[in-house]
C-alpha atoms as a PDB file:
ATOM      1  CA  MET A   1      72.128-133.598  47.224  1.00  0.00           C
ATOM      2  CA  ASP A   2      69.387-134.267  49.783  1.00  0.00           C
ATOM      3  CA  MET A   3      66.748-136.900  49.323  1.00  0.00           C
ATOM      4  CA  VAL A   4      63.615-137.538  51.367  1.00  0.00           C
ATOM      5  CA  ASN A   5      63.123-140.667  53.428  1.00  0.00           C
ATOM      6  CA  ARG A   6      59.727-141.858  52.162  1.00  0.00           C
ATOM      7  CA  GLU A   7      58.921-143.586  55.471  1.00  0.00           C
ATOM      8  CA  GLY A   8      58.727-140.414  57.522  1.00  0.00           C
ATOM      9  CA  ASN A   9      59.309-137.479  55.136  1.00  0.00           C
ATOM     10  CA  LEU A  10      62.557-136.750  56.974  1.00  0.00           C
ATOM     11  CA  PRO A  11      65.530-135.442  54.965  1.00  0.00           C
ATOM     12  CA  TYR A  12      68.204-138.019  54.210  1.00  0.00           C
ATOM     13  CA  ASP A  13      71.633-136.405  53.990  1.00  0.00           C
ATOM     14  CA  THR A  14      73.857-138.565  51.822  1.00  0.00           C
ATOM     15  CA  LEU A  15      77.145-136.750  52.432  1.00  0.00           C
ATOM     16  CA  PHE A  16      77.435-135.332  55.945  1.00  0.00           C
ATOM     17  CA  SER A  17      76.537-136.337  59.446  1.00  0.00           C
ATOM     18  CA  GLY A  18      74.113-133.931  61.055  1.00  0.00           C
ATOM     19  CA  PRO A  19      71.815-133.349  63.963  1.00  0.00           C
ATOM     20  CA  PRO A  20      69.173-135.884  64.820  1.00  0.00           C
ATOM     21  CA  ALA A  21      65.848-135.244  63.093  1.00  0.00           C
ATOM     22  CA  LEU A  22      62.809-134.808  65.363  1.00  0.00           C
ATOM     23  CA  THR A  23      59.170-135.207  64.346  1.00  0.00           C
ATOM     24  CA  GLU A  24      57.887-132.544  66.782  1.00  0.00           C
ATOM     25  CA  CYS A  25      59.212-129.002  67.285  1.00  0.00           C
ATOM     26  CA  ILE A  26      56.882-128.428  70.239  1.00  0.00           C
ATOM     27  CA  LEU A  27      55.438-131.018  72.582  1.00  0.00           C
ATOM     28  CA  ASP A  28      52.339-129.378  74.036  1.00  0.00           C
ATOM     29  CA  PHE A  29      50.825-131.368  76.886  1.00  0.00           C
ATOM     30  CA  GLY A  30      47.929-128.932  77.049  1.00  0.00           C
ATOM     31  CA  ARG A  31      46.011-128.687  80.319  1.00  0.00           C
ATOM     32  CA  VAL A  32      46.852-131.294  82.910  1.00  0.00           C
ATOM     33  CA  PHE A  33      45.329-131.445  86.385  1.00  0.00           C
ATOM     34  CA  ARG A  34      47.818-130.993  89.200  1.00  0.00           C
ATOM     35  CA  GLY A  35      49.109-134.343  90.477  1.00  0.00           C
ATOM     36  CA  ASN A  36      48.542-136.173  87.184  1.00  0.00           C
ATOM     37  CA  GLN A  37      50.891-137.345  84.457  1.00  0.00           C
ATOM     38  CA  LYS A  38      50.554-137.187  80.695  1.00  0.00           C
ATOM     39  CA  THR A  39      52.835-138.827  78.130  1.00  0.00           C
ATOM     40  CA  LEU A  40      53.518-137.739  74.552  1.00  0.00           C
ATOM     41  CA  GLN A  41      55.813-139.294  71.976  1.00  0.00           C
ATOM     42  CA  GLN A  42      58.804-137.771  70.197  1.00  0.00           C
ATOM     43  CA  ILE A  43      60.481-139.619  67.326  1.00  0.00           C
ATOM     44  CA  ILE A  44      64.218-139.180  66.801  1.00  0.00           C
ATOM     45  CA  ALA A  45      65.685-140.255  63.470  1.00  0.00           C
ATOM     46  CA  ASN A  46      69.179-140.730  62.098  1.00  0.00           C
ATOM     47  CA  THR A  47      69.090-139.093  58.664  1.00  0.00           C
ATOM     48  CA  THR A  48      72.711-139.864  57.839  1.00  0.00           C
ATOM     49  CA  LYS A  49      74.687-142.814  56.511  1.00  0.00           C
ATOM     50  CA  GLN A  50      76.666-143.148  59.768  1.00  0.00           C
ATOM     51  CA  PRO A  51      75.609-144.809  63.037  1.00  0.00           C
ATOM     52  CA  MET A  52      74.594-142.145  65.558  1.00  0.00           C
ATOM     53  CA  ILE A  53      74.868-142.151  69.344  1.00  0.00           C
ATOM     54  CA  TRP A  54      72.099-139.892  70.688  1.00  0.00           C
ATOM     55  CA  LEU A  55      71.349-138.382  74.089  1.00  0.00           C
ATOM     56  CA  ALA A  56      68.256-136.543  75.337  1.00  0.00           C
ATOM     57  CA  ASP A  57      68.385-134.039  78.178  1.00  0.00           C
ATOM     58  CA  ALA A  58      65.740-132.047  80.048  1.00  0.00           C
ATOM     59  CA  GLY A  59      68.293-129.938  81.914  1.00  0.00           C
ATOM     60  CA  GLU A  60      67.400-129.168  85.527  1.00  0.00           C
ATOM     61  CA  SER A  61      63.691-129.786  84.990  1.00  0.00           C
ATOM     62  CA  ARG A  62      62.142-132.189  87.488  1.00  0.00           C
ATOM     63  CA  TRP A  63      58.699-132.329  85.897  1.00  0.00           C
ATOM     64  CA  VAL A  64      59.578-133.892  82.554  1.00  0.00           C
ATOM     65  CA  MET A  65      60.931-137.425  82.117  1.00  0.00           C
ATOM     66  CA  LEU A  66      62.392-138.997  78.976  1.00  0.00           C
ATOM     67  CA  GLU A  67      62.316-142.742  78.360  1.00  0.00           C
ATOM     68  CA  PRO A  68      64.671-143.815  76.909  1.00  0.00           C
ATOM     69  CA  ASP A  69      67.077-140.897  77.200  1.00  0.00           C
ATOM     70  CA  HIS A  70      69.910-142.289  75.052  1.00  0.00           C
ATOM     71  CA  GLY A  71      70.633-144.874  72.408  1.00  0.00           C
ATOM     72  CA  VAL A  72      72.329-145.780  69.154  1.00  0.00           C
ATOM     73  CA  LEU A  73      70.600-145.395  65.809  1.00  0.00           C
ATOM     74  CA  GLN A  74      71.801-147.049  62.658  1.00  0.00           C
ATOM     75  CA  PRO A  75      71.617-145.092  59.371  1.00  0.00           C
ATOM     76  CA  GLY A  76      67.973-144.340  58.574  1.00  0.00           C
ATOM     77  CA  GLY A  77      66.896-145.675  61.987  1.00  0.00           C
ATOM     78  CA  ARG A  78      64.135-144.206  64.158  1.00  0.00           C
ATOM     79  CA  GLN A  79      63.466-144.361  67.906  1.00  0.00           C
ATOM     80  CA  ALA A  80      60.284-143.475  69.790  1.00  0.00           C
ATOM     81  CA  ILE A  81      60.872-141.558  73.017  1.00  0.00           C
ATOM     82  CA  ARG A  82      58.183-141.235  75.680  1.00  0.00           C
ATOM     83  CA  VAL A  83      58.128-137.721  77.149  1.00  0.00           C
ATOM     84  CA  THR A  84      56.123-137.578  80.378  1.00  0.00           C
ATOM     85  CA  ALA A  85      54.978-134.461  82.209  1.00  0.00           C
ATOM     86  CA  ASP A  86      54.553-135.147  85.941  1.00  0.00           C
ATOM     87  CA  THR A  87      52.543-132.321  87.490  1.00  0.00           C
ATOM     88  CA  SER A  88      52.823-133.647  91.046  1.00  0.00           C
ATOM     89  CA  VAL A  89      55.959-131.511  91.511  1.00  0.00           C
ATOM     90  CA  LEU A  90      54.374-128.352  90.022  1.00  0.00           C
ATOM     91  CA  GLU A  91      52.091-125.625  91.292  1.00  0.00           C
ATOM     92  CA  VAL A  92      49.183-124.346  89.219  1.00  0.00           C
ATOM     93  CA  GLY A  93      50.564-122.360  86.275  1.00  0.00           C
ATOM     94  CA  GLU A  94      52.234-122.642  82.878  1.00  0.00           C
ATOM     95  CA  TYR A  95      55.627-124.274  82.415  1.00  0.00           C
ATOM     96  CA  SER A  96      57.984-124.936  79.539  1.00  0.00           C
ATOM     97  CA  VAL A  97      61.368-126.575  79.164  1.00  0.00           C
ATOM     98  CA  THR A  98      63.796-126.965  76.288  1.00  0.00           C
ATOM     99  CA  LEU A  99      64.638-130.597  75.598  1.00  0.00           C
ATOM    100  CA  THR A 100      67.998-131.114  73.906  1.00  0.00           C
ATOM    101  CA  PHE A 101      68.592-134.063  71.611  1.00  0.00           C
ATOM    102  CA  SER A 102      72.237-134.411  70.680  1.00  0.00           C
ATOM    103  CA  SER A 103      74.169-136.800  68.490  1.00  0.00           C
ATOM    104  CA  GLU A 104      77.780-137.801  68.568  1.00  0.00           C
ATOM    105  CA  GLY A 105      79.560-139.101  65.521  1.00  0.00           C
ATOM    106  CA  ASP A 106      83.106-139.799  64.418  1.00  0.00           C
ATOM    107  CA  GLU A 107      83.858-136.189  63.503  1.00  0.00           C
ATOM    108  CA  THR A 108      80.966-134.078  64.730  1.00  0.00           C
ATOM    109  CA  SER A 109      78.644-133.525  67.636  1.00  0.00           C
ATOM    110  CA  MET A 110      75.315-131.861  66.856  1.00  0.00           C
ATOM    111  CA  ARG A 111      72.200-130.933  68.791  1.00  0.00           C
ATOM    112  CA  ARG A 112      68.569-130.137  68.129  1.00  0.00           C
ATOM    113  CA  ASN A 113      66.073-128.632  70.582  1.00  0.00           C
ATOM    114  CA  THR A 114      62.351-129.018  71.090  1.00  0.00           C
ATOM    115  CA  ILE A 115      60.099-127.187  73.536  1.00  0.00           C
ATOM    116  CA  SER A 116      57.806-129.005  75.965  1.00  0.00           C
ATOM    117  CA  LYS A 117      55.067-127.062  77.675  1.00  0.00           C
ATOM    118  CA  VAL A 118      52.230-127.782  80.054  1.00  0.00           C
ATOM    119  CA  LYS A 119      49.481-125.794  81.741  1.00  0.00           C
ATOM    120  CA  VAL A 120      48.817-127.145  85.246  1.00  0.00           C
ATOM    121  CA  GLU A 121      45.304-126.679  86.576  1.00  0.00           C
ATOM    122  CA  GLU A 122      43.734-127.465  89.912  1.00  0.00           C
ATOM    123  CA  SER A 123      41.495-130.525  89.851  1.00  0.00           C
ATOM    124  CA  PRO A 124      37.826-129.660  89.684  1.00  0.00           C
ATOM    125  CA  MET A 125      36.222-129.922  93.090  1.00  0.00           C
ATOM    126  CA  GLN A 126      34.390-133.132  93.692  1.00  0.00           C
ATOM    127  CA  PRO A 127      30.676-132.537  94.249  1.00  0.00           C
ATOM    128  CA  GLN A 128      29.903-132.531  97.947  1.00  0.00           C
ATOM    129  CA  PRO A 129      27.366-135.166  98.938  1.00  0.00           C
ATOM    130  CA  SER A 130      24.200-133.535 100.068  1.00  0.00           C
ATOM    131  CA  THR A 131      23.197-134.277 103.626  1.00  0.00           C
ATOM    132  CA  PRO A 132      19.583-135.220 104.086  1.00  0.00           C
ATOM    133  CA  LEU A 133      17.490-132.781 106.014  1.00  0.00           C
ATOM    134  CA  PRO A 134      16.109-134.055 109.324  1.00  0.00           C
ATOM    135  CA  LEU A 135      12.420-134.898 109.250  1.00  0.00           C
END
């Protein structure tokens, strides 16, 4: 029988270990000017009655950073993860990456994915100073 963790409305599985619970299915950074960084937060939660070793992975992506990218959560524990999009390594355009959050327990290994996306735009041109006309 599943119950709900009142603190974060996350399911609390009383019998089985399972995948880590994530608060966001999609992390949308929106529009970010090229060369800038933007950070969002993902919460990972252990919804089981067993300690959980968790790992986060962005695959081959060089534009997204996870901090921290691993840890141990006690039963019912939660961990905030900073997910940063660094557009200095990207050209103008739209990008997405699948972030994988996996857990390892005594008997099982589970994973849960979330999508991160960003739209990189060129910085608006700085207004050119007007040159005074000669008199």
